[in-house]
Amino acid sequence: MKIQLIHPPADIQYELCQTAYLTAPPIGLEIIARAIEMENPEARIEIFDGNLFSLEEIKQSIGADIVGFSDWYSKHRNACEILRTAKERNTACVTVMGGPNTAYLAGRILVNHQYIDYVVVGDGEETMKKIAGGAEIPRIPNLYYRKNGTVTFTFHKKM
């Protein structure tokens, strides 16, 4: 199984106001990758840091069984564009969005973006590990998804 975890580059309107905070390395994705590897040692995981790769470079490289994102307010449009590209290339690809932007927007993200399968709220280590492991969706904590066309939340679990 191939998994790509992506911290996208800043949307064009935020490119000029990058700060050290906005260009920090994607440590959270490294932690999630390690959690997945511990449960699924056969998983091939790639991490794309939008501070090092352009939007076009990431879009050209996209192609995995699972594509996961850290979504920040300053990177939301690029995140959506890359996830749309992933789903267009492979409709079976599982697309997952998490990160600080999702805490209060999870339901709206799923309503507005049909190419996004799941939205994680809170820490994503256990959630992504279970998605990658093929767990039944209702048993995965902190996860928004669609069930019969309705946005549904599994259950909250502090990590």
N, C-alpha and C. Protein backbone atom coordinates (compact mmCIF):
# COMPACT_ATOMS: atom_id res chain seq x y z
N MET A 1 0.84 -1.17 0.00
CA MET A 1 0.00 0.00 0.00
C MET A 1 0.89 1.24 0.00
N LYS A 2 0.54 2.18 -0.86
CA LYS A 2 1.29 3.43 -0.95
C LYS A 2 0.46 4.54 -0.32
N ILE A 3 1.11 5.31 0.54
CA ILE A 3 0.46 6.42 1.24
C ILE A 3 1.28 7.68 1.01
N GLN A 4 0.62 8.75 0.64
CA GLN A 4 1.28 10.04 0.50
C GLN A 4 0.67 11.00 1.53
N LEU A 5 1.54 11.59 2.33
CA LEU A 5 1.12 12.59 3.32
C LEU A 5 1.68 13.93 2.86
N ILE A 6 0.83 14.94 2.83
CA ILE A 6 1.23 16.19 2.19
C ILE A 6 0.93 17.40 3.06
N HIS A 7 1.93 18.23 3.17
CA HIS A 7 1.80 19.57 3.74
C HIS A 7 1.96 20.50 2.54
N PRO A 8 0.86 21.04 2.02
CA PRO A 8 0.92 21.76 0.74
C PRO A 8 1.63 23.10 0.83
N PRO A 9 2.05 23.61 -0.31
CA PRO A 9 2.61 24.97 -0.33
C PRO A 9 1.49 25.98 -0.05
N ALA A 10 1.88 27.17 0.34
CA ALA A 10 0.92 28.23 0.64
C ALA A 10 0.14 28.61 -0.61
N ASP A 11 -1.15 28.92 -0.41
CA ASP A 11 -1.97 29.45 -1.49
C ASP A 11 -1.32 30.75 -1.98
N ILE A 12 -1.58 31.09 -3.22
CA ILE A 12 -0.91 32.23 -3.84
C ILE A 12 -1.06 33.53 -3.04
N GLN A 13 -2.21 33.78 -2.44
CA GLN A 13 -2.40 35.03 -1.71
C GLN A 13 -1.60 35.08 -0.41
N TYR A 14 -1.04 33.95 0.03
CA TYR A 14 -0.25 33.92 1.26
C TYR A 14 1.25 33.74 1.01
N GLU A 15 1.65 33.57 -0.23
CA GLU A 15 3.07 33.31 -0.53
C GLU A 15 4.00 34.40 -0.02
N LEU A 16 3.59 35.65 -0.12
CA LEU A 16 4.47 36.75 0.27
C LEU A 16 4.55 36.97 1.78
N CYS A 17 3.62 36.42 2.52
CA CYS A 17 3.64 36.67 3.97
C CYS A 17 4.07 35.43 4.75
N GLN A 18 4.86 34.57 4.14
CA GLN A 18 5.36 33.40 4.85
C GLN A 18 6.20 33.83 6.04
N THR A 19 5.99 33.15 7.15
CA THR A 19 6.79 33.39 8.35
C THR A 19 7.41 32.06 8.75
N ALA A 20 8.23 32.08 9.79
CA ALA A 20 8.82 30.83 10.27
C ALA A 20 7.73 29.85 10.68
N TYR A 21 6.62 30.36 11.25
CA TYR A 21 5.51 29.48 11.65
C TYR A 21 4.88 28.83 10.43
N LEU A 22 4.68 29.59 9.38
CA LEU A 22 4.02 29.05 8.20
C LEU A 22 4.93 28.14 7.38
N THR A 23 6.23 28.23 7.58
CA THR A 23 7.15 27.40 6.81
C THR A 23 7.82 26.33 7.66
N ALA A 24 7.26 26.04 8.83
CA ALA A 24 7.81 25.00 9.69
C ALA A 24 7.71 23.64 8.99
N PRO A 25 8.68 22.75 9.26
CA PRO A 25 8.61 21.42 8.63
C PRO A 25 7.39 20.66 9.15
N PRO A 26 6.87 19.73 8.37
CA PRO A 26 5.65 19.01 8.74
C PRO A 26 5.90 17.88 9.74
N ILE A 27 6.27 18.25 10.96
CA ILE A 27 6.58 17.27 12.00
C ILE A 27 5.38 16.36 12.27
N GLY A 28 4.17 16.94 12.27
CA GLY A 28 2.97 16.14 12.52
C GLY A 28 2.82 15.00 11.53
N LEU A 29 3.15 15.27 10.26
CA LEU A 29 3.05 14.21 9.25
C LEU A 29 4.10 13.13 9.48
N GLU A 30 5.26 13.52 9.97
CA GLU A 30 6.30 12.53 10.31
C GLU A 30 5.82 11.62 11.44
N ILE A 31 5.15 12.20 12.42
CA ILE A 31 4.62 11.42 13.54
C ILE A 31 3.53 10.46 13.04
N ILE A 32 2.65 10.95 12.18
CA ILE A 32 1.60 10.10 11.62
C ILE A 32 2.22 8.98 10.79
N ALA A 33 3.22 9.30 9.99
CA ALA A 33 3.90 8.27 9.18
C ALA A 33 4.47 7.18 10.06
N ARG A 34 5.09 7.56 11.15
CA ARG A 34 5.68 6.58 12.07
C ARG A 34 4.60 5.69 12.70
N ALA A 35 3.47 6.29 13.07
CA ALA A 35 2.38 5.51 13.65
C ALA A 35 1.85 4.48 12.64
N ILE A 36 1.72 4.90 11.39
CA ILE A 36 1.26 3.98 10.35
C ILE A 36 2.27 2.86 10.15
N GLU A 37 3.56 3.21 10.07
CA GLU A 37 4.61 2.22 9.85
C GLU A 37 4.66 1.17 10.96
N MET A 38 4.39 1.60 12.19
CA MET A 38 4.44 0.66 13.32
C MET A 38 3.33 -0.39 13.20
N GLU A 39 2.19 -0.03 12.65
CA GLU A 39 1.07 -0.96 12.48
C GLU A 39 1.12 -1.67 11.13
N ASN A 40 1.65 -0.99 10.13
CA ASN A 40 1.67 -1.50 8.75
C ASN A 40 3.08 -1.37 8.19
N PRO A 41 4.00 -2.23 8.60
CA PRO A 41 5.40 -2.09 8.16
C PRO A 41 5.58 -2.19 6.65
N GLU A 42 4.61 -2.78 5.95
CA GLU A 42 4.72 -2.91 4.50
C GLU A 42 4.31 -1.64 3.76
N ALA A 43 3.72 -0.69 4.47
CA ALA A 43 3.26 0.56 3.83
C ALA A 43 4.46 1.35 3.31
N ARG A 44 4.30 1.87 2.09
CA ARG A 44 5.31 2.76 1.52
C ARG A 44 4.77 4.18 1.68
N ILE A 45 5.46 4.98 2.47
CA ILE A 45 4.95 6.30 2.81
C ILE A 45 5.88 7.37 2.25
N GLU A 46 5.28 8.33 1.56
CA GLU A 46 6.00 9.50 1.06
C GLU A 46 5.42 10.74 1.75
N ILE A 47 6.31 11.65 2.11
CA ILE A 47 5.86 12.91 2.69
C ILE A 47 6.34 14.03 1.77
N PHE A 48 5.40 14.89 1.40
CA PHE A 48 5.72 16.05 0.58
C PHE A 48 5.57 17.30 1.43
N ASP A 49 6.63 18.07 1.50
CA ASP A 49 6.64 19.33 2.24
C ASP A 49 6.53 20.47 1.23
N GLY A 50 5.43 21.19 1.29
CA GLY A 50 5.18 22.29 0.37
C GLY A 50 6.16 23.43 0.50
N ASN A 51 7.00 23.41 1.52
CA ASN A 51 8.07 24.40 1.62
C ASN A 51 9.23 24.03 0.69
N LEU A 52 9.25 22.76 0.27
CA LEU A 52 10.34 22.27 -0.59
C LEU A 52 9.88 21.91 -1.99
N PHE A 53 8.59 21.60 -2.15
CA PHE A 53 8.04 21.21 -3.45
C PHE A 53 6.95 22.20 -3.85
N SER A 54 6.90 22.52 -5.13
CA SER A 54 5.86 23.42 -5.63
C SER A 54 4.54 22.67 -5.78
N LEU A 55 3.48 23.43 -5.94
CA LEU A 55 2.17 22.84 -6.18
C LEU A 55 2.22 21.92 -7.39
N GLU A 56 2.82 22.37 -8.48
CA GLU A 56 2.89 21.56 -9.70
C GLU A 56 3.71 20.30 -9.49
N GLU A 57 4.82 20.39 -8.77
CA GLU A 57 5.63 19.19 -8.51
C GLU A 57 4.84 18.16 -7.71
N ILE A 58 4.10 18.61 -6.72
CA ILE A 58 3.30 17.68 -5.91
C ILE A 58 2.20 17.07 -6.77
N LYS A 59 1.51 17.89 -7.54
CA LYS A 59 0.43 17.37 -8.39
C LYS A 59 0.96 16.33 -9.39
N GLN A 60 2.15 16.54 -9.92
CA GLN A 60 2.73 15.59 -10.86
C GLN A 60 3.09 14.27 -10.17
N SER A 61 3.43 14.33 -8.89
CA SER A 61 3.87 13.15 -8.15
C SER A 61 2.73 12.41 -7.46
N ILE A 62 1.55 13.00 -7.45
CA ILE A 62 0.45 12.43 -6.69
C ILE A 62 0.00 11.12 -7.31
N GLY A 63 -0.24 10.15 -6.47
CA GLY A 63 -0.70 8.84 -6.93
C GLY A 63 -0.44 7.81 -5.86
N ALA A 64 -1.45 7.53 -5.04
CA ALA A 64 -1.29 6.58 -3.95
C ALA A 64 -2.64 5.96 -3.63
N ASP A 65 -2.61 4.96 -2.78
CA ASP A 65 -3.84 4.34 -2.31
C ASP A 65 -4.55 5.26 -1.32
N ILE A 66 -3.74 5.96 -0.51
CA ILE A 66 -4.27 6.91 0.47
C ILE A 66 -3.47 8.20 0.33
N VAL A 67 -4.17 9.33 0.23
CA VAL A 67 -3.51 10.64 0.20
C VAL A 67 -4.07 11.43 1.38
N GLY A 68 -3.18 11.82 2.30
CA GLY A 68 -3.58 12.55 3.49
C GLY A 68 -2.96 13.93 3.53
N PHE A 69 -3.69 14.86 4.12
CA PHE A 69 -3.29 16.26 4.12
C PHE A 69 -3.33 16.90 5.47
N SER A 70 -2.39 17.79 5.69
CA SER A 70 -2.45 18.73 6.80
C SER A 70 -2.95 20.05 6.20
N ASP A 71 -4.15 20.45 6.58
CA ASP A 71 -4.80 21.61 5.98
C ASP A 71 -4.70 22.81 6.91
N TRP A 72 -4.09 23.86 6.43
CA TRP A 72 -3.97 25.12 7.17
C TRP A 72 -4.78 26.16 6.41
N TYR A 73 -5.25 27.19 7.11
CA TYR A 73 -6.04 28.24 6.43
C TYR A 73 -5.28 28.82 5.26
N SER A 74 -3.97 28.96 5.37
CA SER A 74 -3.17 29.59 4.32
C SER A 74 -2.83 28.63 3.18
N LYS A 75 -3.27 27.38 3.28
CA LYS A 75 -2.92 26.38 2.28
C LYS A 75 -4.13 25.60 1.78
N HIS A 76 -5.33 26.01 2.19
CA HIS A 76 -6.55 25.24 1.93
C HIS A 76 -6.83 25.06 0.44
N ARG A 77 -6.72 26.10 -0.35
CA ARG A 77 -7.01 25.96 -1.79
C ARG A 77 -6.05 25.01 -2.47
N ASN A 78 -4.78 25.09 -2.13
CA ASN A 78 -3.81 24.16 -2.72
C ASN A 78 -4.07 22.73 -2.25
N ALA A 79 -4.42 22.58 -0.98
CA ALA A 79 -4.75 21.24 -0.47
C ALA A 79 -5.91 20.64 -1.26
N CYS A 80 -6.95 21.42 -1.44
CA CYS A 80 -8.11 20.94 -2.19
C CYS A 80 -7.75 20.61 -3.64
N GLU A 81 -6.93 21.44 -4.25
CA GLU A 81 -6.55 21.19 -5.64
C GLU A 81 -5.77 19.88 -5.78
N ILE A 82 -4.88 19.61 -4.83
CA ILE A 82 -4.10 18.37 -4.89
C ILE A 82 -4.99 17.17 -4.62
N LEU A 83 -5.90 17.27 -3.65
CA LEU A 83 -6.81 16.15 -3.37
C LEU A 83 -7.74 15.88 -4.55
N ARG A 84 -8.19 16.93 -5.20
CA ARG A 84 -9.02 16.76 -6.40
C ARG A 84 -8.23 16.02 -7.48
N THR A 85 -6.97 16.41 -7.65
CA THR A 85 -6.11 15.74 -8.63
C THR A 85 -5.94 14.27 -8.28
N ALA A 86 -5.72 13.96 -7.01
CA ALA A 86 -5.55 12.57 -6.58
C ALA A 86 -6.78 11.74 -6.92
N LYS A 87 -7.96 12.27 -6.65
CA LYS A 87 -9.21 11.54 -6.90
C LYS A 87 -9.47 11.40 -8.39
N GLU A 88 -9.13 12.43 -9.19
CA GLU A 88 -9.31 12.34 -10.64
C GLU A 88 -8.41 11.28 -11.25
N ARG A 89 -7.21 11.14 -10.72
CA ARG A 89 -6.27 10.15 -11.26
C ARG A 89 -6.66 8.73 -10.87
N ASN A 90 -7.23 8.59 -9.68
CA ASN A 90 -7.58 7.26 -9.17
C ASN A 90 -8.80 7.40 -8.27
N THR A 91 -9.96 7.08 -8.81
CA THR A 91 -11.20 7.26 -8.03
C THR A 91 -11.24 6.35 -6.81
N ALA A 92 -10.44 5.29 -6.78
CA ALA A 92 -10.38 4.41 -5.61
C ALA A 92 -9.46 4.95 -4.52
N CYS A 93 -8.70 5.97 -4.83
CA CYS A 93 -7.80 6.59 -3.86
C CYS A 93 -8.62 7.11 -2.68
N VAL A 94 -8.17 6.85 -1.47
CA VAL A 94 -8.82 7.37 -0.27
C VAL A 94 -8.18 8.72 0.05
N THR A 95 -9.00 9.76 0.11
CA THR A 95 -8.50 11.10 0.37
C THR A 95 -8.92 11.53 1.77
N VAL A 96 -7.93 12.03 2.53
CA VAL A 96 -8.14 12.36 3.94
C VAL A 96 -7.56 13.75 4.21
N MET A 97 -8.35 14.58 4.87
CA MET A 97 -7.88 15.90 5.25
C MET A 97 -7.90 16.02 6.78
N GLY A 98 -6.84 16.55 7.33
CA GLY A 98 -6.74 16.81 8.76
C GLY A 98 -6.00 18.11 8.94
N GLY A 99 -5.57 18.39 10.14
CA GLY A 99 -4.81 19.61 10.40
C GLY A 99 -5.65 20.67 11.09
N PRO A 100 -5.01 21.79 11.40
CA PRO A 100 -5.67 22.82 12.20
C PRO A 100 -6.90 23.44 11.56
N ASN A 101 -7.02 23.41 10.27
CA ASN A 101 -8.15 24.03 9.58
C ASN A 101 -9.43 23.20 9.71
N THR A 102 -9.32 21.95 10.11
CA THR A 102 -10.48 21.07 10.07
C THR A 102 -11.30 21.06 11.36
N ALA A 103 -10.77 21.56 12.45
CA ALA A 103 -11.45 21.44 13.74
C ALA A 103 -12.89 21.92 13.70
N TYR A 104 -13.15 23.05 13.10
CA TYR A 104 -14.50 23.60 13.08
C TYR A 104 -15.14 23.55 11.70
N LEU A 105 -14.40 23.08 10.71
CA LEU A 105 -14.90 23.09 9.33
C LEU A 105 -15.13 21.70 8.75
N ALA A 106 -14.94 20.67 9.52
CA ALA A 106 -14.96 19.30 8.99
C ALA A 106 -16.22 19.00 8.19
N GLY A 107 -17.37 19.27 8.75
CA GLY A 107 -18.62 18.99 8.05
C GLY A 107 -18.75 19.77 6.76
N ARG A 108 -18.40 21.05 6.80
CA ARG A 108 -18.50 21.89 5.61
C ARG A 108 -17.52 21.44 4.53
N ILE A 109 -16.35 20.99 4.95
CA ILE A 109 -15.36 20.50 3.97
C ILE A 109 -15.95 19.32 3.20
N LEU A 110 -16.60 18.40 3.89
CA LEU A 110 -17.19 17.24 3.21
C LEU A 110 -18.38 17.63 2.35
N VAL A 111 -19.17 18.59 2.79
CA VAL A 111 -20.31 19.05 1.99
C VAL A 111 -19.83 19.74 0.72
N ASN A 112 -18.78 20.54 0.82
CA ASN A 112 -18.32 21.36 -0.30
C ASN A 112 -17.34 20.67 -1.23
N HIS A 113 -16.75 19.56 -0.82
CA HIS A 113 -15.71 18.91 -1.62
C HIS A 113 -15.96 17.40 -1.68
N GLN A 114 -16.69 16.97 -2.68
CA GLN A 114 -17.07 15.56 -2.80
C GLN A 114 -15.88 14.62 -3.01
N TYR A 115 -14.75 15.14 -3.44
CA TYR A 115 -13.56 14.32 -3.68
C TYR A 115 -12.78 14.05 -2.40
N ILE A 116 -13.20 14.62 -1.28
CA ILE A 116 -12.57 14.34 0.00
C ILE A 116 -13.42 13.29 0.70
N ASP A 117 -12.80 12.16 1.06
CA ASP A 117 -13.54 11.05 1.67
C ASP A 117 -13.71 11.21 3.18
N TYR A 118 -12.65 11.62 3.85
CA TYR A 118 -12.67 11.69 5.31
C TYR A 118 -12.01 12.97 5.79
N VAL A 119 -12.46 13.45 6.95
CA VAL A 119 -11.82 14.58 7.61
C VAL A 119 -11.54 14.17 9.05
N VAL A 120 -10.30 14.34 9.45
CA VAL A 120 -9.85 14.01 10.80
C VAL A 120 -9.84 15.28 11.64
N VAL A 121 -10.36 15.21 12.85
CA VAL A 121 -10.27 16.33 13.78
C VAL A 121 -9.43 15.89 14.97
N GLY A 122 -8.57 16.77 15.44
CA GLY A 122 -7.65 16.40 16.52
C GLY A 122 -6.44 15.68 15.97
N ASP A 123 -5.71 15.05 16.86
CA ASP A 123 -4.51 14.33 16.45
C ASP A 123 -4.87 13.18 15.52
N GLY A 124 -4.06 12.99 14.49
CA GLY A 124 -4.40 12.03 13.46
C GLY A 124 -3.67 10.71 13.50
N GLU A 125 -2.80 10.49 14.50
CA GLU A 125 -1.99 9.28 14.49
C GLU A 125 -2.85 8.01 14.50
N GLU A 126 -3.71 7.88 15.48
CA GLU A 126 -4.52 6.66 15.58
C GLU A 126 -5.51 6.57 14.42
N THR A 127 -6.09 7.70 14.06
CA THR A 127 -7.09 7.71 12.99
C THR A 127 -6.47 7.25 11.68
N MET A 128 -5.36 7.83 11.30
CA MET A 128 -4.72 7.45 10.02
C MET A 128 -4.20 6.03 10.07
N LYS A 129 -3.67 5.61 11.21
CA LYS A 129 -3.20 4.23 11.37
C LYS A 129 -4.34 3.25 11.12
N LYS A 130 -5.53 3.56 11.63
CA LYS A 130 -6.67 2.67 11.47
C LYS A 130 -7.23 2.73 10.04
N ILE A 131 -7.23 3.91 9.43
CA ILE A 131 -7.65 4.00 8.03
C ILE A 131 -6.73 3.14 7.16
N ALA A 132 -5.43 3.30 7.35
CA ALA A 132 -4.45 2.53 6.58
C ALA A 132 -4.55 1.04 6.85
N GLY A 133 -4.95 0.67 8.06
CA GLY A 133 -5.08 -0.73 8.42
C GLY A 133 -6.39 -1.36 7.99
N GLY A 134 -7.29 -0.56 7.41
CA GLY A 134 -8.55 -1.09 6.92
C GLY A 134 -9.62 -1.31 7.98
N ALA A 135 -9.52 -0.60 9.10
CA ALA A 135 -10.52 -0.74 10.16
C ALA A 135 -11.89 -0.29 9.67
N GLU A 136 -12.94 -0.80 10.28
CA GLU A 136 -14.29 -0.38 9.96
C GLU A 136 -14.44 1.09 10.36
N ILE A 137 -14.97 1.90 9.47
CA ILE A 137 -15.04 3.35 9.68
C ILE A 137 -15.70 3.72 11.00
N PRO A 138 -16.84 3.13 11.40
CA PRO A 138 -17.45 3.54 12.67
C PRO A 138 -16.58 3.28 13.91
N ARG A 139 -15.54 2.47 13.75
CA ARG A 139 -14.64 2.15 14.88
C ARG A 139 -13.41 3.06 14.92
N ILE A 140 -13.32 4.00 13.99
CA ILE A 140 -12.16 4.88 13.91
C ILE A 140 -12.49 6.19 14.62
N PRO A 141 -11.69 6.61 15.60
CA PRO A 141 -12.02 7.83 16.34
C PRO A 141 -11.76 9.11 15.54
N ASN A 142 -12.47 10.17 15.94
CA ASN A 142 -12.21 11.54 15.46
C ASN A 142 -12.33 11.68 13.95
N LEU A 143 -13.32 11.03 13.37
CA LEU A 143 -13.41 10.98 11.92
C LEU A 143 -14.80 11.41 11.44
N TYR A 144 -14.80 12.37 10.52
CA TYR A 144 -16.02 12.76 9.80
C TYR A 144 -16.01 12.05 8.46
N TYR A 145 -17.19 11.59 8.04
CA TYR A 145 -17.32 10.90 6.77
C TYR A 145 -18.76 11.03 6.30
N ARG A 146 -19.03 10.54 5.09
CA ARG A 146 -20.39 10.56 4.58
C ARG A 146 -21.00 9.17 4.72
N LYS A 147 -22.23 9.14 5.22
CA LYS A 147 -22.97 7.88 5.31
C LYS A 147 -24.35 8.14 4.71
N ASN A 148 -24.64 7.47 3.61
CA ASN A 148 -25.91 7.66 2.90
C ASN A 148 -26.15 9.14 2.57
N GLY A 149 -25.10 9.84 2.17
CA GLY A 149 -25.22 11.23 1.76
C GLY A 149 -25.24 12.24 2.89
N THR A 150 -25.15 11.77 4.12
CA THR A 150 -25.18 12.66 5.28
C THR A 150 -23.81 12.66 5.96
N VAL A 151 -23.32 13.84 6.33
CA VAL A 151 -22.04 13.93 7.03
C VAL A 151 -22.24 13.39 8.44
N THR A 152 -21.38 12.46 8.82
CA THR A 152 -21.48 11.76 10.10
C THR A 152 -20.14 11.81 10.81
N PHE A 153 -20.18 11.80 12.14
CA PHE A 153 -18.96 11.79 12.96
C PHE A 153 -18.92 10.47 13.72
N THR A 154 -17.76 9.86 13.80
CA THR A 154 -17.65 8.57 14.49
C THR A 154 -17.79 8.79 16.01
N PHE A 155 -16.70 9.13 16.67
CA PHE A 155 -16.73 9.43 18.10
C PHE A 155 -15.43 10.14 18.47
N HIS A 156 -15.51 10.90 19.54
CA HIS A 156 -14.34 11.66 19.99
C HIS A 156 -13.49 10.80 20.92
N LYS A 157 -12.19 10.83 20.70
CA LYS A 157 -11.26 10.16 21.59
C LYS A 157 -10.05 11.05 21.77
N LYS A 158 -9.75 11.40 23.01
CA LYS A 158 -8.54 12.18 23.28
C LYS A 158 -7.33 11.30 23.06
N MET A 159 -6.34 11.85 22.42
CA MET A 159 -5.12 11.08 22.15
C MET A 159 -4.02 11.52 23.07
